[in-house]
Protein backbone atom coordinates (compact mmCIF):
# COMPACT_ATOMS: atom_id res chain seq x y z
CA MET A 1 -19.32 -33.62 159.88
CA ARG A 2 -23.05 -33.54 159.21
CA LYS A 3 -22.61 -30.22 157.42
CA LYS A 4 -20.05 -31.73 155.07
CA TYR A 5 -22.36 -34.63 154.30
CA GLU A 6 -25.17 -32.19 153.50
CA GLU A 7 -22.81 -30.32 151.16
CA SER A 8 -22.20 -33.57 149.26
CA GLY A 9 -25.93 -33.76 148.49
CA VAL A 10 -27.02 -36.25 151.15
CA SER A 11 -29.47 -35.17 153.86
CA LEU A 12 -29.42 -37.19 157.07
CA GLN A 13 -32.42 -35.27 158.37
CA ALA A 14 -34.46 -36.08 155.26
CA GLY A 15 -33.56 -39.73 155.74
CA TYR A 16 -34.79 -39.70 159.32
CA GLU A 17 -38.01 -37.96 158.29
CA SER A 18 -38.63 -40.47 155.48
CA VAL A 19 -38.32 -43.39 157.90
CA GLU A 20 -40.82 -41.80 160.28
CA ARG A 21 -43.25 -41.09 157.44
CA ILE A 22 -43.28 -44.65 156.12
CA LYS A 23 -43.79 -46.43 159.44
CA LYS A 24 -47.57 -46.02 159.39
CA HIS A 25 -47.75 -47.52 155.91
CA VAL A 26 -45.60 -50.51 156.87
CA LYS A 27 -47.92 -51.23 159.83
CA ARG A 28 -50.77 -51.82 157.37
CA THR A 29 -48.98 -54.89 156.02
CA LYS A 30 -48.70 -56.83 159.29
CA ASN A 31 -49.54 -60.51 158.90
CA LEU A 32 -49.17 -63.69 160.98
CA GLY A 33 -45.41 -64.02 160.70
CA MET A 34 -44.29 -60.38 160.84
CA MET A 35 -41.89 -59.88 163.76
CA SER A 36 -39.53 -57.01 163.03
CA ALA A 37 -40.11 -53.28 162.97
CA ILE A 38 -38.56 -50.89 160.46
CA GLY A 39 -35.15 -49.69 161.60
CA GLY A 40 -33.32 -52.90 162.36
CA PHE A 41 -30.46 -54.43 160.37
CA GLY A 42 -32.58 -57.30 159.09
CA GLY A 43 -36.16 -58.39 158.73
CA ALA A 44 -37.37 -61.29 160.86
CA PHE A 45 -40.34 -63.48 159.96
CA ASP A 46 -41.86 -66.31 162.00
CA LEU A 47 -42.53 -69.12 159.54
CA SER A 48 -43.87 -71.35 162.30
CA ALA A 49 -46.97 -69.14 162.52
CA TYR A 50 -48.18 -70.73 159.28
CA ASN A 51 -47.96 -74.33 160.53
CA PHE A 52 -46.25 -75.66 157.43
CA LYS A 53 -45.23 -79.31 157.72
CA ASN A 54 -42.80 -79.66 154.80
CA PRO A 55 -42.25 -76.10 153.55
CA VAL A 56 -40.29 -74.95 150.54
CA LEU A 57 -39.36 -71.27 150.27
CA VAL A 58 -39.97 -69.59 146.92
CA SER A 59 -38.49 -66.16 146.16
CA GLY A 60 -38.80 -63.61 143.40
CA THR A 61 -37.20 -60.25 142.62
CA ASP A 62 -37.95 -57.55 140.06
CA GLY A 63 -38.21 -53.85 139.39
CA VAL A 64 -40.58 -51.60 137.49
CA GLY A 65 -38.39 -50.61 134.55
CA THR A 66 -38.92 -47.50 132.46
CA LYS A 67 -42.55 -47.17 133.51
CA LEU A 68 -40.93 -45.03 136.20
CA LYS A 69 -40.36 -42.31 133.60
CA LEU A 70 -44.14 -41.81 133.37
CA ALA A 71 -44.38 -41.46 137.13
CA PHE A 72 -41.68 -38.79 137.03
CA GLU A 73 -43.36 -36.86 134.23
CA LEU A 74 -46.83 -37.03 135.78
CA ASN A 75 -45.51 -36.52 139.33
CA ILE A 76 -47.60 -39.48 140.52
CA HIS A 77 -45.66 -41.73 142.86
CA ASN A 78 -48.20 -43.64 144.99
CA THR A 79 -48.95 -46.39 142.46
CA ILE A 80 -45.51 -47.45 141.27
CA GLY A 81 -44.92 -49.36 144.52
CA ILE A 82 -47.91 -51.56 143.73
CA ASP A 83 -46.17 -52.51 140.49
CA VAL A 84 -42.95 -53.60 142.18
CA VAL A 85 -44.84 -55.81 144.63
CA ALA A 86 -47.00 -57.24 141.85
CA MET A 87 -44.07 -58.23 139.68
CA CYS A 88 -42.58 -60.25 142.55
CA ALA A 89 -45.69 -61.61 144.27
CA ASN A 90 -47.37 -62.74 141.04
CA ASP A 91 -44.22 -64.64 140.05
CA ILE A 92 -44.20 -66.48 143.38
CA LEU A 93 -47.89 -67.22 142.97
CA ALA A 94 -47.18 -68.82 139.59
CA GLN A 95 -45.23 -71.50 141.48
CA GLY A 96 -48.24 -72.19 143.65
CA ALA A 97 -46.61 -70.50 146.66
CA ILE A 98 -48.10 -68.12 149.23
CA PRO A 99 -46.31 -64.74 149.37
CA LEU A 100 -45.21 -64.07 152.96
CA PHE A 101 -42.95 -61.03 153.14
CA PHE A 102 -41.45 -58.31 150.98
CA LEU A 103 -38.44 -55.97 151.08
CA ASP A 104 -37.80 -53.04 148.77
CA TYR A 105 -34.74 -51.08 147.67
CA LEU A 106 -35.33 -47.44 146.76
CA ALA A 107 -32.51 -45.33 145.32
CA VAL A 108 -33.15 -41.60 144.92
CA GLY A 109 -31.22 -38.68 143.51
CA LYS A 110 -32.38 -36.49 146.38
CA ASN A 111 -34.42 -37.59 149.37
CA TYR A 112 -37.74 -35.80 149.37
CA PRO A 113 -39.60 -37.32 152.35
CA LYS A 114 -43.08 -36.71 150.89
CA GLN A 115 -42.08 -38.43 147.64
CA VAL A 116 -40.51 -41.36 149.50
CA GLU A 117 -43.66 -41.68 151.58
CA ALA A 118 -45.84 -41.75 148.46
CA ILE A 119 -43.69 -44.49 146.91
CA VAL A 120 -43.77 -46.63 150.07
CA GLU A 121 -47.51 -46.00 150.41
CA GLY A 122 -47.83 -47.83 147.07
CA VAL A 123 -45.54 -50.64 148.23
CA ALA A 124 -47.69 -51.05 151.34
CA GLU A 125 -50.89 -51.09 149.29
CA GLY A 126 -49.39 -53.77 147.04
CA CYS A 127 -48.44 -55.83 150.09
CA VAL A 128 -51.95 -55.49 151.52
CA GLN A 129 -53.34 -56.76 148.20
CA ALA A 130 -50.85 -59.66 148.25
CA ASP A 131 -51.34 -60.29 151.99
CA CYS A 132 -47.60 -60.15 152.61
CA ALA A 133 -45.68 -58.13 155.19
CA ILE A 134 -43.04 -55.47 154.67
CA VAL A 135 -40.27 -56.67 156.99
CA GLY A 136 -37.57 -54.26 155.85
CA GLY A 137 -36.10 -52.24 153.05
CA GLU A 138 -33.45 -49.71 152.14
CA THR A 139 -33.50 -46.15 150.87
CA ALA A 140 -30.27 -44.83 149.37
CA GLU A 141 -29.71 -41.16 148.54
CA MET A 142 -27.33 -41.13 145.57
CA SER A 143 -26.63 -37.50 144.72
CA GLY A 144 -25.21 -37.08 141.23
CA PHE A 145 -26.19 -40.58 140.17
CA TYR A 146 -29.93 -40.04 139.62
CA GLU A 147 -31.46 -36.80 138.42
CA ASP A 148 -33.08 -34.65 141.08
CA GLY A 149 -36.61 -36.02 141.65
CA GLU A 150 -35.90 -39.32 139.91
CA TYR A 151 -35.37 -42.73 141.48
CA ASP A 152 -35.30 -46.46 140.90
CA ILE A 153 -37.10 -49.09 142.91
CA ALA A 154 -36.72 -52.84 143.10
CA GLY A 155 -37.84 -55.45 145.55
CA PHE A 156 -38.01 -59.08 146.41
CA CYS A 157 -40.65 -61.30 147.89
CA VAL A 158 -40.38 -64.60 149.73
CA GLY A 159 -43.19 -67.11 149.87
CA ALA A 160 -43.66 -70.70 150.92
CA GLN A 161 -45.71 -73.77 150.16
CA GLU A 162 -45.87 -77.39 151.16
CA LYS A 163 -43.42 -79.27 148.96
CA GLU A 164 -46.07 -81.56 147.53
CA LEU A 165 -48.33 -78.61 146.63
CA LEU A 166 -45.83 -76.70 144.50
CA LEU A 167 -46.87 -76.58 140.84
CA ASN A 168 -44.98 -78.75 138.38
CA PRO A 169 -45.20 -78.42 134.56
CA GLU A 170 -45.16 -82.21 134.38
CA ASN A 171 -48.79 -82.14 135.56
CA THR A 172 -49.99 -80.42 132.38
CA LYS A 173 -51.42 -82.44 129.49
CA ALA A 174 -53.22 -81.95 126.21
CA GLY A 175 -56.91 -81.21 126.52
CA GLN A 176 -56.70 -79.21 129.71
CA ALA A 177 -58.40 -75.81 129.73
CA VAL A 178 -56.53 -72.51 129.82
CA ILE A 179 -58.23 -69.90 131.99
CA GLY A 180 -57.30 -66.25 131.42
CA LEU A 181 -57.36 -63.65 134.18
CA ALA A 182 -57.89 -60.10 132.93
CA SER A 183 -55.06 -57.62 133.33
CA SER A 184 -55.53 -54.08 134.59
CA GLY A 185 -53.78 -52.73 131.50
CA VAL A 186 -50.22 -52.69 130.22
CA HIS A 187 -48.89 -53.63 133.68
CA SER A 188 -45.09 -53.08 133.88
CA ASN A 189 -43.60 -54.40 130.66
CA GLY A 190 -42.81 -52.97 127.25
CA PHE A 191 -42.51 -49.37 128.40
CA SER A 192 -39.35 -48.62 126.43
CA LEU A 193 -41.45 -49.28 123.33
CA VAL A 194 -44.47 -47.47 124.77
CA ARG A 195 -42.41 -44.37 125.42
CA LYS A 196 -40.89 -44.51 121.92
CA ILE A 197 -44.37 -44.70 120.39
CA LEU A 198 -45.48 -41.67 122.40
CA LYS A 199 -42.36 -39.72 121.45
CA ASP A 200 -42.46 -40.64 117.75
CA ASN A 201 -46.10 -39.55 117.51
CA ASN A 202 -45.68 -36.49 119.73
CA ILE A 203 -48.40 -37.79 122.06
CA SER A 204 -48.77 -36.01 125.39
CA LEU A 205 -49.42 -38.03 128.52
CA ASN A 206 -52.23 -35.58 129.22
CA GLU A 207 -54.05 -36.45 125.98
CA LYS A 208 -57.58 -37.71 126.64
CA PHE A 209 -58.10 -41.45 126.35
CA GLU A 210 -61.46 -43.06 127.10
CA ASN A 211 -62.51 -41.70 130.52
CA SER A 212 -58.98 -40.73 131.58
CA THR A 213 -55.70 -39.68 129.97
CA ILE A 214 -53.03 -41.62 128.14
CA GLY A 215 -50.64 -41.12 131.05
CA GLU A 216 -53.01 -42.26 133.78
CA THR A 217 -54.13 -45.23 131.70
CA LEU A 218 -50.54 -46.37 131.19
CA LEU A 219 -49.65 -45.74 134.83
CA THR A 220 -52.47 -48.01 136.07
CA PRO A 221 -50.72 -50.40 138.48
CA THR A 222 -50.21 -54.08 137.76
CA LYS A 223 -53.02 -56.28 139.08
CA ILE A 224 -52.09 -58.51 141.98
CA TYR A 225 -53.79 -61.91 141.67
CA VAL A 226 -52.74 -63.47 144.97
CA LYS A 227 -55.97 -63.62 146.97
CA GLU A 228 -58.24 -64.87 144.19
CA VAL A 229 -55.78 -67.45 142.85
CA LEU A 230 -55.11 -68.80 146.35
CA ARG A 231 -58.87 -69.34 146.64
CA VAL A 232 -58.70 -71.49 143.51
CA LEU A 233 -55.64 -73.42 144.69
CA LYS A 234 -57.51 -74.43 147.86
CA GLU A 235 -60.43 -75.92 145.95
CA VAL A 236 -59.18 -76.91 142.48
CA LYS A 237 -56.23 -79.04 141.40
CA VAL A 238 -54.44 -76.52 139.19
CA ALA A 239 -51.90 -78.03 136.78
CA GLY A 240 -50.01 -74.85 135.96
CA ILE A 241 -49.92 -71.06 136.21
CA ALA A 242 -48.19 -68.49 134.03
CA HIS A 243 -47.65 -64.82 134.87
CA ILE A 244 -47.75 -62.82 131.62
CA THR A 245 -44.91 -60.31 131.84
CA GLY A 246 -42.09 -59.33 129.46
CA GLY A 247 -42.19 -61.51 126.36
CA GLY A 248 -45.97 -61.65 126.31
CA PHE A 249 -47.84 -64.84 125.49
CA HIS A 250 -45.10 -66.56 123.52
CA GLU A 251 -42.39 -66.39 126.18
CA ASN A 252 -44.43 -66.87 129.34
CA LEU A 253 -47.14 -69.42 128.53
CA PRO A 254 -44.70 -72.26 127.70
CA ARG A 255 -43.06 -71.85 131.11
CA CYS A 256 -45.98 -73.61 132.82
CA LEU A 257 -46.14 -76.49 130.30
CA LYS A 258 -44.45 -79.86 130.06
CA ASP A 259 -41.92 -80.09 127.21
CA GLY A 260 -43.60 -80.88 123.90
CA LEU A 261 -46.93 -79.31 124.80
CA GLY A 262 -48.36 -76.05 123.54
CA MET A 263 -51.49 -73.92 123.72
CA LYS A 264 -54.20 -72.83 121.34
CA ILE A 265 -55.37 -69.37 122.34
CA ILE A 266 -58.74 -68.10 121.10
CA LYS A 267 -58.53 -64.32 120.55
CA SER A 268 -62.30 -63.92 120.49
CA SER A 269 -62.65 -65.38 124.00
CA TYR A 270 -62.17 -61.94 125.54
CA THR A 271 -61.97 -58.27 124.58
CA VAL A 272 -58.49 -56.80 124.21
CA PRO A 273 -58.34 -53.45 126.08
CA LYS A 274 -58.31 -50.43 123.78
CA ILE A 275 -54.91 -49.23 125.00
CA PHE A 276 -53.27 -52.14 123.17
CA ASN A 277 -55.06 -51.32 119.93
CA PHE A 278 -53.96 -47.71 120.36
CA LEU A 279 -50.31 -48.72 120.81
CA ALA A 280 -50.42 -51.11 117.85
CA GLU A 281 -51.91 -48.46 115.56
CA LYS A 282 -49.65 -45.60 116.61
CA GLY A 283 -46.55 -47.79 116.65
CA GLY A 284 -47.26 -49.66 113.41
CA ILE A 285 -46.90 -52.96 115.27
CA ASP A 286 -48.49 -56.07 113.76
CA GLU A 287 -50.68 -58.33 115.87
CA GLU A 288 -48.18 -61.17 116.10
CA GLU A 289 -45.50 -58.89 117.55
CA MET A 290 -47.99 -57.39 120.02
CA TYR A 291 -48.54 -60.86 121.51
CA HIS A 292 -44.76 -61.26 121.77
CA ILE A 293 -44.40 -58.02 123.77
CA PHE A 294 -47.49 -57.23 125.84
CA ASN A 295 -49.98 -59.08 128.03
CA MET A 296 -52.79 -58.00 125.64
CA GLY A 297 -55.29 -57.87 128.49
CA VAL A 298 -54.38 -61.21 130.10
CA GLY A 299 -52.19 -60.88 133.19
CA MET A 300 -52.16 -64.50 134.31
CA VAL A 301 -53.38 -67.90 133.12
CA LEU A 302 -54.35 -71.06 134.99
CA VAL A 303 -54.32 -74.55 133.48
CA VAL A 304 -57.08 -76.79 134.87
CA GLU A 305 -59.01 -79.91 133.92
CA LYS A 306 -62.05 -79.17 131.78
CA GLU A 307 -64.43 -80.48 134.43
CA ASP A 308 -63.04 -77.85 136.84
CA VAL A 309 -63.61 -74.87 134.53
CA GLY A 310 -66.94 -73.80 136.02
CA LYS A 311 -65.73 -73.94 139.60
CA THR A 312 -62.50 -72.11 138.71
CA LEU A 313 -64.32 -69.28 136.97
CA SER A 314 -66.68 -68.90 139.93
CA LEU A 315 -63.72 -68.31 142.26
CA LEU A 316 -62.06 -65.66 140.11
CA ASP A 317 -62.95 -61.98 139.77
CA ASN A 318 -62.64 -61.39 136.01
CA SER A 319 -61.78 -64.48 134.03
CA PHE A 320 -62.64 -66.48 130.91
CA VAL A 321 -61.76 -69.67 129.03
CA LEU A 322 -58.84 -68.51 126.91
CA GLY A 323 -58.02 -71.75 125.10
CA GLU A 324 -56.64 -75.23 125.68
CA VAL A 325 -53.42 -77.19 126.01
CA THR A 326 -52.36 -79.03 122.84
CA ASN A 327 -49.99 -81.82 121.88
CA GLU A 328 -48.13 -79.48 119.50
CA SER A 329 -45.44 -77.28 121.07
CA GLY A 330 -45.68 -73.55 120.69
CA ILE A 331 -48.37 -70.95 121.23
CA LYS A 332 -50.95 -70.64 118.45
CA ILE A 333 -53.22 -67.62 118.59
CA VAL A 334 -56.30 -68.03 116.39
């Protein structure tokens, strides 16, 4: 029976080996509420360990998209897991919630245990950065569905916060300051366009770019903002947070604002990373469209009262005053 299964393209032995390889990485993510070990039918988490009084659970799910194609081409697989955690944990954070635990789903064309281990190593590193536990996951070997050596990964994260501490757009008002948190690069959005630009211009991923290569620059994992933003939330009354993902400034910034409000963003308040200028030039993309697609060097924004700007900046790693909330709806970039 096992022989027949192997002939269909699915290796039970490789599956067993992959599970054994990833256990040491999962152990790195243990936090207060982690109860279950890898191998069970479900992941258990002890919410009582956090002593919430009136908790609300907040969840988020996402994948990495076509950025995976770069990982395949470069044969680098230990960073893409950071991206999948970041996309989920940063979204939860934007609600003012504390990420607690994470589960991933990894579908492969063929189970190569070393590759699976590298991917989960990245997931574990992302969870360490987000201070959330891996309480389970699933790896599916889907022979004939994905190309040999290729895969897809998605995940979801669950967090919690006291009901009265969850962020509400109704708390935003004109005159409040907009604080930008620097991104680590392109993060995990817009890669269908990125790949088209590279293809149309016959640009190799191994082409030199600044102190690295184009490929390694683009594959830089999404920054996880959890620990530094939670520091701010403990000491500053934050009115709103936006995670800058697909849709760039124009789609994501309004999501943290009360209806009728907008933002004035000052371009000169920070330096746009050179990778965005490179993509704009090679792709013939005008500046307005760039801000509709990419994070342009700003991965997250916080809305705070002007008197709290100094304290907020002191609690963040790489941040700046990006602009202010206005009475006119829409995002104006000047």
